[in-house]
Amino acid sequence: MTEKIEKDPKTWVSGDDPMTGAQASYLKTLSEQAGRPDPTSDVQTKAEASELIDEMRHAAGLD
């Protein structure tokens, strides 16, 4: 069995780049599924978006 290795988004070379459109769209969908407000206006970077996606997936029961 292959172990999944994850790199901390804070250490990504592109982590400070702006959140992508795909991340924003996915965050909106996840926030609806989790019954939470749309967080995209508060997210600035790819790393922030990635961390919030993980949190929202958990809140929506998808992980």
Protein backbone atom coordinates (compact mmCIF):
# COMPACT_ATOMS: atom_id res chain seq x y z
CA MET A 1 0.00 0.00 0.00
CA THR A 2 1.35 3.42 -0.93
CA GLU A 3 1.34 6.01 1.82
CA LYS A 4 -0.02 9.41 0.87
CA ILE A 5 2.55 12.11 1.56
CA GLU A 6 1.28 15.66 1.86
CA LYS A 7 3.36 18.81 1.80
CA ASP A 8 2.34 21.65 4.10
CA PRO A 9 0.77 24.38 1.91
CA LYS A 10 2.73 27.00 3.85
CA THR A 11 5.93 25.56 2.38
CA TRP A 12 4.75 25.56 -1.24
CA VAL A 13 6.86 27.64 -3.62
CA SER A 14 3.62 29.03 -5.10
CA GLY A 15 1.75 29.16 -1.79
CA ASP A 16 1.76 32.96 -1.75
CA ASP A 17 0.26 33.16 -5.25
CA PRO A 18 -3.36 34.28 -5.45
CA MET A 19 -6.09 31.70 -4.94
CA THR A 20 -7.07 30.10 -8.25
CA GLY A 21 -10.53 30.27 -9.80
CA ALA A 22 -10.88 26.52 -9.35
CA GLN A 23 -10.09 26.82 -5.64
CA ALA A 24 -12.63 29.64 -5.24
CA SER A 25 -15.32 27.64 -7.01
CA TYR A 26 -14.63 24.52 -4.93
CA LEU A 27 -14.67 26.56 -1.70
CA LYS A 28 -18.07 27.99 -2.61
CA THR A 29 -19.43 24.50 -3.28
CA LEU A 30 -17.97 23.09 -0.06
CA SER A 31 -19.29 25.99 2.02
CA GLU A 32 -22.79 25.30 0.71
CA GLN A 33 -22.44 21.59 1.52
CA ALA A 34 -21.13 22.40 5.00
CA GLY A 35 -23.86 24.98 5.65
CA ARG A 36 -21.30 27.76 6.13
CA PRO A 37 -20.97 31.23 4.62
CA ASP A 38 -18.91 31.62 1.44
CA PRO A 39 -15.34 32.26 2.68
CA THR A 40 -13.76 33.24 -0.63
CA SER A 41 -13.65 36.98 0.06
CA ASP A 42 -11.39 36.33 3.06
CA VAL A 43 -8.93 34.02 1.27
CA GLN A 44 -5.90 35.58 -0.38
CA THR A 45 -3.43 32.83 -1.31
CA LYS A 46 -3.29 29.32 -2.73
CA ALA A 47 -1.99 28.04 0.60
CA GLU A 48 -4.85 29.63 2.56
CA ALA A 49 -7.36 28.22 0.08
CA SER A 50 -5.87 24.74 0.33
CA GLU A 51 -6.04 24.74 4.12
CA LEU A 52 -9.62 26.02 4.07
CA ILE A 53 -10.60 23.39 1.49
CA ASP A 54 -9.36 20.70 3.87
CA GLU A 55 -11.33 22.26 6.73
CA MET A 56 -14.51 22.60 4.64
CA ARG A 57 -14.22 19.03 3.33
CA HIS A 58 -14.12 17.85 6.93
CA ALA A 59 -17.08 20.07 7.90
CA ALA A 60 -19.07 18.76 4.92
CA GLY A 61 -18.25 15.16 5.88
CA LEU A 62 -16.25 14.47 2.73
CA ASP A 63 -13.01 13.21 4.24
